[in-house]
Amino acid sequence: MADAAWNSVLAGIVKKDAEMKTTMQIEIENLKCGGCERSILKGLGAMDEISDIMVNQKEQWVQFAGSESIRPKVADKLRSMGYPEKGSLTGLDAGLANAKSFVSCVIGRVS
């Protein structure tokens, strides 16, 4: 009986660990250069909930590993930096995000 309980605990740990390793990708807008890429890596790198962050400048996406529940938080962080999820903003909001991305880009170039 103790073995069955222990196996149940181990299964729960493995499941939780596997959940933390889900790889996700978000297509973003306004990714223009290496400065943008550095800003995104730095901004998302400050989030303890995710790991294995990759940015593809040519195809304009960000990939990371974490629990699926963290995806909206990552998308919000990207949007706050000026890199919203593709198609998520229109009009004035899209224009403001584009302006923010220029600031993030400059910061990424000098840091």
C-alpha atoms as a PDB file:
ATOM      1  CA  MET A   1       0.000   0.000   0.000  1.00  0.00           C
ATOM      2  CA  ALA A   2       2.837   2.389   0.814  1.00  0.00           C
ATOM      3  CA  ASP A   3       4.341   1.723  -2.615  1.00  0.00           C
ATOM      4  CA  ALA A   4       1.066   2.639  -4.317  1.00  0.00           C
ATOM      5  CA  ALA A   5       0.878   5.908  -2.369  1.00  0.00           C
ATOM      6  CA  TRP A   6       4.498   6.697  -3.200  1.00  0.00           C
ATOM      7  CA  ASN A   7       3.918   5.974  -6.892  1.00  0.00           C
ATOM      8  CA  SER A   8       0.932   8.322  -6.823  1.00  0.00           C
ATOM      9  CA  VAL A   9       3.080  11.090  -5.326  1.00  0.00           C
ATOM     10  CA  LEU A  10       5.789  10.496  -7.927  1.00  0.00           C
ATOM     11  CA  ALA A  11       3.219  10.562 -10.737  1.00  0.00           C
ATOM     12  CA  GLY A  12       1.958  13.911  -9.455  1.00  0.00           C
ATOM     13  CA  ILE A  13       5.486  15.316  -9.394  1.00  0.00           C
ATOM     14  CA  VAL A  14       6.232  14.052 -12.890  1.00  0.00           C
ATOM     15  CA  LYS A  15       2.940  15.492 -14.181  1.00  0.00           C
ATOM     16  CA  LYS A  16       3.658  18.864 -12.576  1.00  0.00           C
ATOM     17  CA  ASP A  17       7.218  18.845 -13.921  1.00  0.00           C
ATOM     18  CA  ALA A  18       5.962  17.936 -17.395  1.00  0.00           C
ATOM     19  CA  GLU A  19       3.413  20.749 -17.233  1.00  0.00           C
ATOM     20  CA  MET A  20       6.181  23.227 -16.485  1.00  0.00           C
ATOM     21  CA  LYS A  21       8.011  22.122 -19.619  1.00  0.00           C
ATOM     22  CA  THR A  22       5.275  22.828 -22.164  1.00  0.00           C
ATOM     23  CA  THR A  23       6.781  24.707 -25.101  1.00  0.00           C
ATOM     24  CA  MET A  24       4.662  27.526 -26.473  1.00  0.00           C
ATOM     25  CA  GLN A  25       5.070  30.019 -29.277  1.00  0.00           C
ATOM     26  CA  ILE A  26       3.524  33.451 -29.696  1.00  0.00           C
ATOM     27  CA  GLU A  27       3.593  35.272 -33.032  1.00  0.00           C
ATOM     28  CA  ILE A  28       4.245  38.944 -32.352  1.00  0.00           C
ATOM     29  CA  GLU A  29       4.221  42.263 -34.175  1.00  0.00           C
ATOM     30  CA  ASN A  30       6.801  45.082 -34.330  1.00  0.00           C
ATOM     31  CA  LEU A  31       9.921  42.891 -34.026  1.00  0.00           C
ATOM     32  CA  LYS A  32      12.393  44.825 -36.150  1.00  0.00           C
ATOM     33  CA  CYS A  33      15.983  44.140 -35.135  1.00  0.00           C
ATOM     34  CA  GLY A  34      18.490  42.720 -32.694  1.00  0.00           C
ATOM     35  CA  GLY A  35      17.718  45.518 -30.241  1.00  0.00           C
ATOM     36  CA  CYS A  36      14.101  44.392 -30.109  1.00  0.00           C
ATOM     37  CA  GLU A  37      15.237  40.810 -29.661  1.00  0.00           C
ATOM     38  CA  ARG A  38      17.554  41.721 -26.751  1.00  0.00           C
ATOM     39  CA  SER A  39      14.777  43.709 -25.058  1.00  0.00           C
ATOM     40  CA  ILE A  40      12.367  40.782 -25.357  1.00  0.00           C
ATOM     41  CA  LEU A  41      14.938  38.316 -24.024  1.00  0.00           C
ATOM     42  CA  LYS A  42      15.711  40.605 -21.091  1.00  0.00           C
ATOM     43  CA  GLY A  43      12.052  41.352 -20.320  1.00  0.00           C
ATOM     44  CA  LEU A  44      10.889  37.755 -20.490  1.00  0.00           C
ATOM     45  CA  GLY A  45      14.064  36.535 -18.808  1.00  0.00           C
ATOM     46  CA  ALA A  46      12.930  38.363 -15.671  1.00  0.00           C
ATOM     47  CA  MET A  47       9.888  36.085 -15.484  1.00  0.00           C
ATOM     48  CA  ASP A  48      10.748  33.165 -13.198  1.00  0.00           C
ATOM     49  CA  GLU A  49       7.766  31.143 -14.468  1.00  0.00           C
ATOM     50  CA  ILE A  50       9.256  30.548 -17.923  1.00  0.00           C
ATOM     51  CA  SER A  51      12.500  29.225 -19.382  1.00  0.00           C
ATOM     52  CA  ASP A  52      14.129  28.329 -22.692  1.00  0.00           C
ATOM     53  CA  ILE A  53      13.201  31.667 -24.293  1.00  0.00           C
ATOM     54  CA  MET A  54      13.899  31.996 -28.015  1.00  0.00           C
ATOM     55  CA  VAL A  55      13.138  34.890 -30.351  1.00  0.00           C
ATOM     56  CA  ASN A  56      12.924  34.472 -34.123  1.00  0.00           C
ATOM     57  CA  GLN A  57      13.331  37.901 -35.670  1.00  0.00           C
ATOM     58  CA  LYS A  58      12.737  36.802 -39.263  1.00  0.00           C
ATOM     59  CA  GLU A  59       9.489  34.961 -38.560  1.00  0.00           C
ATOM     60  CA  GLN A  60       8.477  37.269 -35.670  1.00  0.00           C
ATOM     61  CA  TRP A  61       7.744  34.793 -32.914  1.00  0.00           C
ATOM     62  CA  VAL A  62       8.764  34.137 -29.348  1.00  0.00           C
ATOM     63  CA  GLN A  63       9.034  30.622 -27.970  1.00  0.00           C
ATOM     64  CA  PHE A  64       9.293  29.662 -24.302  1.00  0.00           C
ATOM     65  CA  ALA A  65       8.667  26.816 -21.887  1.00  0.00           C
ATOM     66  CA  GLY A  66       6.335  26.989 -18.900  1.00  0.00           C
ATOM     67  CA  SER A  67       2.914  25.959 -17.709  1.00  0.00           C
ATOM     68  CA  GLU A  68       0.104  26.628 -20.154  1.00  0.00           C
ATOM     69  CA  SER A  69      -1.532  28.885 -17.582  1.00  0.00           C
ATOM     70  CA  ILE A  70       1.353  31.382 -17.856  1.00  0.00           C
ATOM     71  CA  ARG A  71       0.820  32.080 -21.581  1.00  0.00           C
ATOM     72  CA  PRO A  72      -1.560  35.042 -21.053  1.00  0.00           C
ATOM     73  CA  LYS A  73       0.925  36.638 -18.646  1.00  0.00           C
ATOM     74  CA  VAL A  74       3.708  36.284 -21.221  1.00  0.00           C
ATOM     75  CA  ALA A  75       1.474  37.783 -23.931  1.00  0.00           C
ATOM     76  CA  ASP A  76       0.639  40.706 -21.590  1.00  0.00           C
ATOM     77  CA  LYS A  77       4.343  41.271 -20.879  1.00  0.00           C
ATOM     78  CA  LEU A  78       5.141  41.293 -24.591  1.00  0.00           C
ATOM     79  CA  ARG A  79       2.261  43.709 -25.267  1.00  0.00           C
ATOM     80  CA  SER A  80       3.455  46.048 -22.498  1.00  0.00           C
ATOM     81  CA  MET A  81       6.877  46.149 -24.185  1.00  0.00           C
ATOM     82  CA  GLY A  82       5.351  47.004 -27.579  1.00  0.00           C
ATOM     83  CA  TYR A  83       5.305  43.507 -29.084  1.00  0.00           C
ATOM     84  CA  PRO A  84       1.648  42.412 -29.032  1.00  0.00           C
ATOM     85  CA  GLU A  85       0.461  39.044 -30.210  1.00  0.00           C
ATOM     86  CA  LYS A  86      -0.159  39.160 -33.950  1.00  0.00           C
ATOM     87  CA  GLY A  87      -3.648  40.469 -34.714  1.00  0.00           C
ATOM     88  CA  SER A  88      -4.520  41.275 -31.097  1.00  0.00           C
ATOM     89  CA  LEU A  89      -4.500  45.078 -31.417  1.00  0.00           C
ATOM     90  CA  THR A  90      -5.985  47.469 -33.969  1.00  0.00           C
ATOM     91  CA  GLY A  91      -6.196  51.187 -34.537  1.00  0.00           C
ATOM     92  CA  LEU A  92      -4.747  53.498 -31.914  1.00  0.00           C
ATOM     93  CA  ASP A  93      -3.765  50.602 -29.644  1.00  0.00           C
ATOM     94  CA  ALA A  94      -1.668  49.093 -32.443  1.00  0.00           C
ATOM     95  CA  GLY A  95      -0.040  52.468 -33.078  1.00  0.00           C
ATOM     96  CA  LEU A  96       0.817  52.898 -29.402  1.00  0.00           C
ATOM     97  CA  ALA A  97       2.301  49.401 -29.287  1.00  0.00           C
ATOM     98  CA  ASN A  98       4.428  50.246 -32.318  1.00  0.00           C
ATOM     99  CA  ALA A  99       5.713  53.382 -30.571  1.00  0.00           C
ATOM    100  CA  LYS A 100       6.524  51.359 -27.433  1.00  0.00           C
ATOM    101  CA  SER A 101       8.434  48.859 -29.536  1.00  0.00           C
ATOM    102  CA  PHE A 102      10.692  51.653 -30.822  1.00  0.00           C
ATOM    103  CA  VAL A 103      11.558  52.575 -27.232  1.00  0.00           C
ATOM    104  CA  SER A 104      12.200  48.918 -26.357  1.00  0.00           C
ATOM    105  CA  CYS A 105      14.322  48.595 -29.481  1.00  0.00           C
ATOM    106  CA  VAL A 106      16.521  51.558 -28.543  1.00  0.00           C
ATOM    107  CA  ILE A 107      16.935  50.258 -25.001  1.00  0.00           C
ATOM    108  CA  GLY A 108      17.921  46.860 -26.408  1.00  0.00           C
ATOM    109  CA  ARG A 109      20.508  48.442 -28.670  1.00  0.00           C
ATOM    110  CA  VAL A 110      22.275  50.367 -25.911  1.00  0.00           C
ATOM    111  CA  SER A 111      22.131  47.682 -23.226  1.00  0.00           C
END
